[in-house]
Amino acid sequence: MTRAGPATGWTGLLLAASAASVAPLPVQLGFAVVAIGVIGMAHGASDLAIVAPGRRPLFLACYLTAAGVCLVWWLCDPAAAMPMFLLASALHFGLEDAPGGGVAERAVRGIGLVAVPAVLHPASLAILLASATGSADLTPTMVETMRPLGALAGGAMLAMAAWRRDGRLMAGTFALLLPPPLVGFSLGFLILHALPQTRVRQARIGCRTTTDYLRAVAPILALALAMAGLCALLLVRRHGGVEILFACMAALAVPHLLVTPWFEPAAWAAVPVRRAVRWRPAD
């Protein structure tokens, strides 16, 4: 693939993010659905491919059970499910995005991706979390907790980026910090986690190009998108768009966060992301 292709993709993504940032919440929601639910989901679509064939039946059973339990829990008690989902996500991001780092670096990377959007946009984040959980009582406490943690983690991430001359970490941190929370997290998630992990997965399953990788995971990706669409249709009459997004995102993400690591070959899990992925402006 030529550099023009990725450069065009990044330009389109940043233009779409800029437009969504000054648009109403429904537009920001649409951007998040595409960024997280379509583009970002590609790295998790290879979960089945990295599991040994003999273990795949058990893996699928655990995976689908976790997805179902998560969805039911979210529908029954979203105010309890949301903090647990954020904690699980922070742990996952820290372990995968800084596999060669110490405990402090992993904590900074994990907490940062979840909490940095609260630093400059606490009111917007509170509204977003209240819409996602249906509880306005819990969200002020969550935001008040996330904001100082996000400030500390974000400052540490920027310091690490400057010290290491890490353009991806610098860009991802500013992407989390500056736009509204839904857009900021979507961009930060893509830059710091989903796209690097897609490249790592591409190398691990032996695909030489992104097109080859997408072709290889297309059946699972299509199934995941169909499941998300079905969940959205089941929820649409009783729940708002933000809650549907978070419920579907949790149901698809939690098995990836909690089930896949138990089935992933240890030799693959030990490969540092920074060795497999190098930031280039047109990457």
C-alpha atoms as a PDB file:
ATOM      1  CA  MET A   1       0.000   0.000   0.000  1.00  0.00           C
ATOM      2  CA  THR A   2       1.333   3.415  -0.874  1.00  0.00           C
ATOM      3  CA  ARG A   3       1.742   6.142   1.678  1.00  0.00           C
ATOM      4  CA  ALA A   4      -0.967   8.155  -0.105  1.00  0.00           C
ATOM      5  CA  GLY A   5      -3.642   5.670   0.990  1.00  0.00           C
ATOM      6  CA  PRO A   6      -2.964   5.852   4.751  1.00  0.00           C
ATOM      7  CA  ALA A   7      -2.411   9.623   4.544  1.00  0.00           C
ATOM      8  CA  THR A   8      -5.808  10.055   2.906  1.00  0.00           C
ATOM      9  CA  GLY A   9      -7.393   7.849   5.552  1.00  0.00           C
ATOM     10  CA  TRP A  10      -5.891   9.869   8.408  1.00  0.00           C
ATOM     11  CA  THR A  11      -6.917  13.131   6.771  1.00  0.00           C
ATOM     12  CA  GLY A  12     -10.491  11.924   6.363  1.00  0.00           C
ATOM     13  CA  LEU A  13     -10.624  10.664   9.943  1.00  0.00           C
ATOM     14  CA  LEU A  14      -9.298  13.929  11.392  1.00  0.00           C
ATOM     15  CA  LEU A  15     -11.646  16.024   9.256  1.00  0.00           C
ATOM     16  CA  ALA A  16     -14.591  13.890  10.373  1.00  0.00           C
ATOM     17  CA  ALA A  17     -13.491  14.209  14.010  1.00  0.00           C
ATOM     18  CA  SER A  18     -13.160  17.991  13.666  1.00  0.00           C
ATOM     19  CA  ALA A  19     -16.638  18.268  12.188  1.00  0.00           C
ATOM     20  CA  ALA A  20     -18.140  15.983  14.841  1.00  0.00           C
ATOM     21  CA  SER A  21     -16.482  17.975  17.636  1.00  0.00           C
ATOM     22  CA  VAL A  22     -18.551  21.077  16.864  1.00  0.00           C
ATOM     23  CA  ALA A  23     -21.721  19.155  15.977  1.00  0.00           C
ATOM     24  CA  PRO A  24     -24.606  18.053  18.227  1.00  0.00           C
ATOM     25  CA  LEU A  25     -24.350  14.880  20.296  1.00  0.00           C
ATOM     26  CA  PRO A  26     -26.158  12.649  17.742  1.00  0.00           C
ATOM     27  CA  VAL A  27     -23.420  13.449  15.190  1.00  0.00           C
ATOM     28  CA  GLN A  28     -20.699  12.741  17.759  1.00  0.00           C
ATOM     29  CA  LEU A  29     -22.472   9.470  18.495  1.00  0.00           C
ATOM     30  CA  GLY A  30     -22.430   8.560  14.815  1.00  0.00           C
ATOM     31  CA  PHE A  31     -18.704   9.299  14.623  1.00  0.00           C
ATOM     32  CA  ALA A  32     -18.068   7.082  17.651  1.00  0.00           C
ATOM     33  CA  VAL A  33     -20.101   4.236  16.161  1.00  0.00           C
ATOM     34  CA  VAL A  34     -17.967   4.273  13.009  1.00  0.00           C
ATOM     35  CA  ALA A  35     -14.633   4.901  14.740  1.00  0.00           C
ATOM     36  CA  ILE A  36     -15.045   2.424  17.606  1.00  0.00           C
ATOM     37  CA  GLY A  37     -17.610  -0.008  16.279  1.00  0.00           C
ATOM     38  CA  VAL A  38     -16.342  -0.417  12.713  1.00  0.00           C
ATOM     39  CA  ILE A  39     -12.726   0.744  12.347  1.00  0.00           C
ATOM     40  CA  GLY A  40     -11.676  -0.097  15.898  1.00  0.00           C
ATOM     41  CA  MET A  41     -13.395  -3.472  15.973  1.00  0.00           C
ATOM     42  CA  ALA A  42     -11.050  -4.858  13.318  1.00  0.00           C
ATOM     43  CA  HIS A  43      -8.325  -5.674  15.862  1.00  0.00           C
ATOM     44  CA  GLY A  44     -10.696  -7.772  17.965  1.00  0.00           C
ATOM     45  CA  ALA A  45     -12.086  -9.570  14.933  1.00  0.00           C
ATOM     46  CA  SER A  46      -8.947 -11.710  14.831  1.00  0.00           C
ATOM     47  CA  ASP A  47      -9.537 -13.126  18.320  1.00  0.00           C
ATOM     48  CA  LEU A  48     -10.678 -16.470  16.914  1.00  0.00           C
ATOM     49  CA  ALA A  49      -7.751 -16.631  14.464  1.00  0.00           C
ATOM     50  CA  ILE A  50      -5.119 -16.471  17.212  1.00  0.00           C
ATOM     51  CA  VAL A  51      -6.648 -19.319  19.220  1.00  0.00           C
ATOM     52  CA  ALA A  52      -5.407 -22.868  18.587  1.00  0.00           C
ATOM     53  CA  PRO A  53      -8.019 -24.795  16.524  1.00  0.00           C
ATOM     54  CA  GLY A  54      -8.522 -27.417  19.228  1.00  0.00           C
ATOM     55  CA  ARG A  55      -9.457 -24.766  21.792  1.00  0.00           C
ATOM     56  CA  ARG A  56     -11.842 -22.788  19.592  1.00  0.00           C
ATOM     57  CA  PRO A  57     -15.122 -24.489  20.677  1.00  0.00           C
ATOM     58  CA  LEU A  58     -14.407 -23.717  24.344  1.00  0.00           C
ATOM     59  CA  PHE A  59     -13.212 -20.233  23.409  1.00  0.00           C
ATOM     60  CA  LEU A  60     -16.421 -19.468  21.506  1.00  0.00           C
ATOM     61  CA  ALA A  61     -18.566 -20.791  24.345  1.00  0.00           C
ATOM     62  CA  CYS A  62     -16.772 -18.585  26.879  1.00  0.00           C
ATOM     63  CA  TYR A  63     -16.750 -15.617  24.509  1.00  0.00           C
ATOM     64  CA  LEU A  64     -20.478 -15.713  23.764  1.00  0.00           C
ATOM     65  CA  THR A  65     -21.350 -16.375  27.403  1.00  0.00           C
ATOM     66  CA  ALA A  66     -19.332 -13.359  28.524  1.00  0.00           C
ATOM     67  CA  ALA A  67     -21.001 -11.180  25.878  1.00  0.00           C
ATOM     68  CA  GLY A  68     -24.472 -12.308  26.941  1.00  0.00           C
ATOM     69  CA  VAL A  69     -23.818 -11.859  30.660  1.00  0.00           C
ATOM     70  CA  CYS A  70     -22.360  -8.410  30.059  1.00  0.00           C
ATOM     71  CA  LEU A  71     -25.332  -7.283  27.984  1.00  0.00           C
ATOM     72  CA  VAL A  72     -27.864  -8.564  30.527  1.00  0.00           C
ATOM     73  CA  TRP A  73     -25.927  -6.948  33.388  1.00  0.00           C
ATOM     74  CA  TRP A  74     -25.856  -3.641  31.539  1.00  0.00           C
ATOM     75  CA  LEU A  75     -29.603  -3.763  30.924  1.00  0.00           C
ATOM     76  CA  CYS A  76     -30.332  -4.674  34.561  1.00  0.00           C
ATOM     77  CA  ASP A  77     -27.890  -2.358  36.337  1.00  0.00           C
ATOM     78  CA  PRO A  78     -25.937  -0.027  34.018  1.00  0.00           C
ATOM     79  CA  ALA A  79     -24.859   2.182  36.936  1.00  0.00           C
ATOM     80  CA  ALA A  80     -22.861  -0.753  38.356  1.00  0.00           C
ATOM     81  CA  ALA A  81     -21.760  -2.097  34.978  1.00  0.00           C
ATOM     82  CA  MET A  82     -20.228   1.182  33.783  1.00  0.00           C
ATOM     83  CA  PRO A  83     -17.495   1.532  36.463  1.00  0.00           C
ATOM     84  CA  MET A  84     -16.544  -2.123  36.084  1.00  0.00           C
ATOM     85  CA  PHE A  85     -16.373  -1.734  32.312  1.00  0.00           C
ATOM     86  CA  LEU A  86     -14.118   1.319  32.637  1.00  0.00           C
ATOM     87  CA  LEU A  87     -11.842  -0.488  35.112  1.00  0.00           C
ATOM     88  CA  ALA A  88     -11.595  -3.563  32.873  1.00  0.00           C
ATOM     89  CA  SER A  89     -10.864  -1.333  29.883  1.00  0.00           C
ATOM     90  CA  ALA A  90      -8.116   0.554  31.722  1.00  0.00           C
ATOM     91  CA  LEU A  91      -6.493  -2.730  32.761  1.00  0.00           C
ATOM     92  CA  HIS A  92      -6.685  -4.045  29.197  1.00  0.00           C
ATOM     93  CA  PHE A  93      -5.248  -0.893  27.649  1.00  0.00           C
ATOM     94  CA  GLY A  94      -2.404  -0.789  30.144  1.00  0.00           C
ATOM     95  CA  LEU A  95      -1.419  -4.408  29.568  1.00  0.00           C
ATOM     96  CA  GLU A  96      -1.652  -4.325  25.771  1.00  0.00           C
ATOM     97  CA  ASP A  97      -0.391  -0.827  24.999  1.00  0.00           C
ATOM     98  CA  ALA A  98       2.664  -0.965  27.291  1.00  0.00           C
ATOM     99  CA  PRO A  99       3.572  -4.677  27.392  1.00  0.00           C
ATOM    100  CA  GLY A 100       7.266  -3.973  27.933  1.00  0.00           C
ATOM    101  CA  GLY A 101       6.735  -1.249  30.516  1.00  0.00           C
ATOM    102  CA  GLY A 102       6.700  -1.372  34.291  1.00  0.00           C
ATOM    103  CA  VAL A 103       3.661  -1.171  36.540  1.00  0.00           C
ATOM    104  CA  ALA A 104       3.728   2.636  36.577  1.00  0.00           C
ATOM    105  CA  GLU A 105       3.803   2.970  32.789  1.00  0.00           C
ATOM    106  CA  ARG A 106       1.035   0.420  32.356  1.00  0.00           C
ATOM    107  CA  ALA A 107      -1.098   2.234  34.916  1.00  0.00           C
ATOM    108  CA  VAL A 108      -0.506   5.574  33.206  1.00  0.00           C
ATOM    109  CA  ARG A 109      -1.391   4.230  29.765  1.00  0.00           C
ATOM    110  CA  GLY A 110      -4.473   2.365  30.966  1.00  0.00           C
ATOM    111  CA  ILE A 111      -5.867   5.125  33.168  1.00  0.00           C
ATOM    112  CA  GLY A 112      -4.978   7.781  30.611  1.00  0.00           C
ATOM    113  CA  LEU A 113      -6.982   6.318  27.761  1.00  0.00           C
ATOM    114  CA  VAL A 114     -10.073   6.099  29.975  1.00  0.00           C
ATOM    115  CA  ALA A 115      -9.744   9.227  32.131  1.00  0.00           C
ATOM    116  CA  VAL A 116      -7.959  11.946  30.101  1.00  0.00           C
ATOM    117  CA  PRO A 117     -11.227  13.012  28.344  1.00  0.00           C
ATOM    118  CA  ALA A 118     -12.522  14.122  31.763  1.00  0.00           C
ATOM    119  CA  VAL A 119      -9.773  16.724  32.252  1.00  0.00           C
ATOM    120  CA  LEU A 120     -11.110  19.531  30.034  1.00  0.00           C
ATOM    121  CA  HIS A 121     -14.690  18.350  29.549  1.00  0.00           C
ATOM    122  CA  PRO A 122     -16.075  17.245  32.944  1.00  0.00           C
ATOM    123  CA  ALA A 123     -19.591  18.586  32.353  1.00  0.00           C
ATOM    124  CA  SER A 124     -19.900  16.979  28.921  1.00  0.00           C
ATOM    125  CA  LEU A 125     -18.579  13.687  30.257  1.00  0.00           C
ATOM    126  CA  ALA A 126     -21.038  13.770  33.157  1.00  0.00           C
ATOM    127  CA  ILE A 127     -23.928  14.211  30.717  1.00  0.00           C
ATOM    128  CA  LEU A 128     -22.585  11.405  28.544  1.00  0.00           C
ATOM    129  CA  LEU A 129     -22.209   8.971  31.451  1.00  0.00           C
ATOM    130  CA  ALA A 130     -25.628   9.887  32.817  1.00  0.00           C
ATOM    131  CA  SER A 131     -27.150   9.142  29.403  1.00  0.00           C
ATOM    132  CA  ALA A 132     -25.259   5.833  29.218  1.00  0.00           C
ATOM    133  CA  THR A 133     -26.234   4.630  32.695  1.00  0.00           C
ATOM    134  CA  GLY A 134     -29.587   6.320  33.269  1.00  0.00           C
ATOM    135  CA  SER A 135     -28.226   7.565  36.598  1.00  0.00           C
ATOM    136  CA  ALA A 136     -27.431  11.208  37.262  1.00  0.00           C
ATOM    137  CA  ASP A 137     -26.498  10.481  40.891  1.00  0.00           C
ATOM    138  CA  LEU A 138     -23.460   8.309  40.172  1.00  0.00           C
ATOM    139  CA  THR A 139     -21.848  10.324  37.390  1.00  0.00           C
ATOM    140  CA  PRO A 140     -20.568  13.336  39.405  1.00  0.00           C
ATOM    141  CA  THR A 141     -18.576  10.980  41.642  1.00  0.00           C
ATOM    142  CA  MET A 142     -17.207   9.106  38.630  1.00  0.00           C
ATOM    143  CA  VAL A 143     -16.156  12.310  36.877  1.00  0.00           C
ATOM    144  CA  GLU A 144     -14.657  13.799  40.047  1.00  0.00           C
ATOM    145  CA  THR A 145     -12.570  10.631  40.397  1.00  0.00           C
ATOM    146  CA  MET A 146     -11.579  10.456  36.742  1.00  0.00           C
ATOM    147  CA  ARG A 147     -10.566  14.108  36.343  1.00  0.00           C
ATOM    148  CA  PRO A 148      -7.494  14.239  38.653  1.00  0.00           C
ATOM    149  CA  LEU A 149      -6.451  10.748  37.573  1.00  0.00           C
ATOM    150  CA  GLY A 150      -6.749  11.843  33.953  1.00  0.00           C
ATOM    151  CA  ALA A 151      -4.698  14.986  34.595  1.00  0.00           C
ATOM    152  CA  LEU A 152      -1.895  12.997  36.226  1.00  0.00           C
ATOM    153  CA  ALA A 153      -1.943  10.265  33.584  1.00  0.00           C
ATOM    154  CA  GLY A 154      -2.210  12.727  30.703  1.00  0.00           C
ATOM    155  CA  GLY A 155       0.722  14.762  31.993  1.00  0.00           C
ATOM    156  CA  ALA A 156       2.803  11.612  32.361  1.00  0.00           C
ATOM    157  CA  MET A 157       1.853  10.460  28.856  1.00  0.00           C
ATOM    158  CA  LEU A 158       2.887  13.799  27.335  1.00  0.00           C
ATOM    159  CA  ALA A 159       6.167  13.715  29.288  1.00  0.00           C
ATOM    160  CA  MET A 160       6.883  10.162  28.080  1.00  0.00           C
ATOM    161  CA  ALA A 161       6.007  11.132  24.519  1.00  0.00           C
ATOM    162  CA  ALA A 162       8.364  14.122  24.592  1.00  0.00           C
ATOM    163  CA  TRP A 163      11.201  12.136  26.233  1.00  0.00           C
ATOM    164  CA  ARG A 164      10.899   9.240  23.773  1.00  0.00           C
ATOM    165  CA  ARG A 165       9.989  11.389  20.773  1.00  0.00           C
ATOM    166  CA  ASP A 166       6.930   9.187  20.404  1.00  0.00           C
ATOM    167  CA  GLY A 167       4.665  10.923  17.903  1.00  0.00           C
ATOM    168  CA  ARG A 168       1.862   8.395  18.249  1.00  0.00           C
ATOM    169  CA  LEU A 169       1.674   8.779  22.029  1.00  0.00           C
ATOM    170  CA  MET A 170       1.795  12.564  21.736  1.00  0.00           C
ATOM    171  CA  ALA A 171      -0.941  12.659  19.073  1.00  0.00           C
ATOM    172  CA  GLY A 172      -3.110  10.160  20.923  1.00  0.00           C
ATOM    173  CA  THR A 173      -2.892  12.052  24.209  1.00  0.00           C
ATOM    174  CA  PHE A 174      -3.878  15.353  22.616  1.00  0.00           C
ATOM    175  CA  ALA A 175      -6.679  13.540  20.770  1.00  0.00           C
ATOM    176  CA  LEU A 176      -8.017  12.332  24.132  1.00  0.00           C
ATOM    177  CA  LEU A 177      -7.590  15.734  25.763  1.00  0.00           C
ATOM    178  CA  LEU A 178      -8.913  18.344  23.341  1.00  0.00           C
ATOM    179  CA  PRO A 179     -12.138  17.220  21.579  1.00  0.00           C
ATOM    180  CA  PRO A 180     -15.423  16.471  23.360  1.00  0.00           C
ATOM    181  CA  PRO A 181     -15.289  13.182  25.303  1.00  0.00           C
ATOM    182  CA  LEU A 182     -17.053  10.929  22.806  1.00  0.00           C
ATOM    183  CA  VAL A 183     -14.953  12.160  19.890  1.00  0.00           C
ATOM    184  CA  GLY A 184     -11.782  12.363  21.973  1.00  0.00           C
ATOM    185  CA  PHE A 185     -12.025   8.827  23.283  1.00  0.00           C
ATOM    186  CA  SER A 186     -12.833   7.509  19.799  1.00  0.00           C
ATOM    187  CA  LEU A 187      -9.740   9.164  18.315  1.00  0.00           C
ATOM    188  CA  GLY A 188      -7.486   8.252  21.233  1.00  0.00           C
ATOM    189  CA  PHE A 189      -8.726   4.666  21.169  1.00  0.00           C
ATOM    190  CA  LEU A 190      -7.883   4.364  17.471  1.00  0.00           C
ATOM    191  CA  ILE A 191      -4.483   6.061  17.655  1.00  0.00           C
ATOM    192  CA  LEU A 192      -3.197   4.495  20.866  1.00  0.00           C
ATOM    193  CA  HIS A 193      -4.847   1.090  20.930  1.00  0.00           C
ATOM    194  CA  ALA A 194      -6.998  -0.216  18.092  1.00  0.00           C
ATOM    195  CA  LEU A 195      -4.841   0.605  15.070  1.00  0.00           C
ATOM    196  CA  PRO A 196      -1.518  -0.433  16.665  1.00  0.00           C
ATOM    197  CA  GLN A 197      -3.122  -3.666  17.861  1.00  0.00           C
ATOM    198  CA  THR A 198      -4.520  -4.284  14.371  1.00  0.00           C
ATOM    199  CA  ARG A 199      -0.976  -4.064  13.002  1.00  0.00           C
ATOM    200  CA  VAL A 200       0.265  -6.454  15.699  1.00  0.00           C
ATOM    201  CA  ARG A 201      -2.527  -8.927  14.982  1.00  0.00           C
ATOM    202  CA  GLN A 202      -1.833  -8.604  11.255  1.00  0.00           C
ATOM    203  CA  ALA A 203       1.768  -9.664  11.850  1.00  0.00           C
ATOM    204  CA  ARG A 204       0.813 -12.463  14.215  1.00  0.00           C
ATOM    205  CA  ILE A 205      -1.578 -14.192  11.825  1.00  0.00           C
ATOM    206  CA  GLY A 206       0.771 -13.765   8.878  1.00  0.00           C
ATOM    207  CA  CYS A 207      -1.041 -11.157   6.783  1.00  0.00           C
ATOM    208  CA  ARG A 208       1.350  -8.999   4.774  1.00  0.00           C
ATOM    209  CA  THR A 209      -1.085  -6.158   4.107  1.00  0.00           C
ATOM    210  CA  THR A 210      -4.070  -4.569   5.811  1.00  0.00           C
ATOM    211  CA  THR A 211      -6.254  -5.759   2.940  1.00  0.00           C
ATOM    212  CA  ASP A 212      -5.137  -9.356   3.541  1.00  0.00           C
ATOM    213  CA  TYR A 213      -5.877  -8.973   7.248  1.00  0.00           C
ATOM    214  CA  LEU A 214      -9.359  -7.560   6.669  1.00  0.00           C
ATOM    215  CA  ARG A 215     -10.085 -10.358   4.227  1.00  0.00           C
ATOM    216  CA  ALA A 216      -8.952 -12.935   6.771  1.00  0.00           C
ATOM    217  CA  VAL A 217     -11.101 -11.572   9.610  1.00  0.00           C
ATOM    218  CA  ALA A 218     -14.063 -10.486   7.451  1.00  0.00           C
ATOM    219  CA  PRO A 219     -16.417 -13.324   8.552  1.00  0.00           C
ATOM    220  CA  ILE A 220     -15.886 -12.647  12.269  1.00  0.00           C
ATOM    221  CA  LEU A 221     -16.005  -8.882  11.767  1.00  0.00           C
ATOM    222  CA  ALA A 222     -19.276  -9.196   9.845  1.00  0.00           C
ATOM    223  CA  LEU A 223     -20.721 -11.425  12.586  1.00  0.00           C
ATOM    224  CA  ALA A 224     -19.688  -8.939  15.284  1.00  0.00           C
ATOM    225  CA  LEU A 225     -21.251  -6.052  13.379  1.00  0.00           C
ATOM    226  CA  ALA A 226     -24.431  -8.085  12.885  1.00  0.00           C
ATOM    227  CA  MET A 227     -24.561  -8.881  16.617  1.00  0.00           C
ATOM    228  CA  ALA A 228     -24.093  -5.209  17.466  1.00  0.00           C
ATOM    229  CA  GLY A 229     -26.842  -4.272  15.026  1.00  0.00           C
ATOM    230  CA  LEU A 230     -29.183  -6.864  16.536  1.00  0.00           C
ATOM    231  CA  CYS A 231     -28.469  -5.606  20.051  1.00  0.00           C
ATOM    232  CA  ALA A 232     -29.179  -2.051  18.920  1.00  0.00           C
ATOM    233  CA  LEU A 233     -32.497  -3.091  17.371  1.00  0.00           C
ATOM    234  CA  LEU A 234     -33.517  -4.897  20.558  1.00  0.00           C
ATOM    235  CA  LEU A 235     -32.638  -1.872  22.689  1.00  0.00           C
ATOM    236  CA  VAL A 236     -33.796   0.983  20.509  1.00  0.00           C
ATOM    237  CA  ARG A 237     -37.359   1.216  21.821  1.00  0.00           C
ATOM    238  CA  ARG A 238     -36.405   1.494  25.476  1.00  0.00           C
ATOM    239  CA  HIS A 239     -32.974   3.102  25.482  1.00  0.00           C
ATOM    240  CA  GLY A 240     -31.291   6.181  24.065  1.00  0.00           C
ATOM    241  CA  GLY A 241     -28.507   6.142  21.521  1.00  0.00           C
ATOM    242  CA  VAL A 242     -25.690   6.726  24.017  1.00  0.00           C
ATOM    243  CA  GLU A 243     -26.807   3.834  26.231  1.00  0.00           C
ATOM    244  CA  ILE A 244     -27.147   1.570  23.194  1.00  0.00           C
ATOM    245  CA  LEU A 245     -23.608   2.463  22.111  1.00  0.00           C
ATOM    246  CA  PHE A 246     -22.125   1.684  25.522  1.00  0.00           C
ATOM    247  CA  ALA A 247     -24.172  -1.491  26.005  1.00  0.00           C
ATOM    248  CA  CYS A 248     -23.144  -2.874  22.607  1.00  0.00           C
ATOM    249  CA  MET A 249     -19.558  -1.719  23.064  1.00  0.00           C
ATOM    250  CA  ALA A 250     -19.342  -3.444  26.444  1.00  0.00           C
ATOM    251  CA  ALA A 251     -20.958  -6.660  25.193  1.00  0.00           C
ATOM    252  CA  LEU A 252     -18.434  -6.892  22.350  1.00  0.00           C
ATOM    253  CA  ALA A 253     -15.413  -5.577  24.257  1.00  0.00           C
ATOM    254  CA  VAL A 254     -15.621  -7.467  27.558  1.00  0.00           C
ATOM    255  CA  PRO A 255     -15.071 -10.927  25.995  1.00  0.00           C
ATOM    256  CA  HIS A 256     -12.111  -9.457  24.101  1.00  0.00           C
ATOM    257  CA  LEU A 257     -10.761  -7.959  27.350  1.00  0.00           C
ATOM    258  CA  LEU A 258     -11.332 -10.872  29.687  1.00  0.00           C
ATOM    259  CA  VAL A 259     -11.669 -14.093  27.670  1.00  0.00           C
ATOM    260  CA  THR A 260      -9.138 -13.778  24.844  1.00  0.00           C
ATOM    261  CA  PRO A 261      -6.041 -13.359  27.098  1.00  0.00           C
ATOM    262  CA  TRP A 262      -6.696 -16.803  28.620  1.00  0.00           C
ATOM    263  CA  PHE A 263      -6.590 -18.425  25.182  1.00  0.00           C
ATOM    264  CA  GLU A 264      -3.911 -16.296  23.515  1.00  0.00           C
ATOM    265  CA  PRO A 265      -0.571 -18.066  22.988  1.00  0.00           C
ATOM    266  CA  ALA A 266       1.915 -16.740  25.531  1.00  0.00           C
ATOM    267  CA  ALA A 267       4.611 -16.230  22.891  1.00  0.00           C
ATOM    268  CA  TRP A 268       2.311 -13.903  20.935  1.00  0.00           C
ATOM    269  CA  ALA A 269       1.117 -11.979  23.953  1.00  0.00           C
ATOM    270  CA  ALA A 270       4.724 -11.182  24.883  1.00  0.00           C
ATOM    271  CA  VAL A 271       5.531  -9.308  21.651  1.00  0.00           C
ATOM    272  CA  PRO A 272       5.933  -5.591  22.497  1.00  0.00           C
ATOM    273  CA  VAL A 273       3.622  -3.339  20.510  1.00  0.00           C
ATOM    274  CA  ARG A 274       6.303  -0.719  19.950  1.00  0.00           C
ATOM    275  CA  ARG A 275       8.448  -3.277  18.113  1.00  0.00           C
ATOM    276  CA  ALA A 276       5.634  -4.194  15.749  1.00  0.00           C
ATOM    277  CA  VAL A 277       4.280  -0.685  15.192  1.00  0.00           C
ATOM    278  CA  ARG A 278       6.225   2.451  14.456  1.00  0.00           C
ATOM    279  CA  TRP A 279       4.462   5.789  14.125  1.00  0.00           C
ATOM    280  CA  ARG A 280       4.661   7.586  10.836  1.00  0.00           C
ATOM    281  CA  PRO A 281       2.553  10.668  10.064  1.00  0.00           C
ATOM    282  CA  ALA A 282       1.089   8.889   7.046  1.00  0.00           C
ATOM    283  CA  ASP A 283       0.755   5.500   8.810  1.00  0.00           C
END
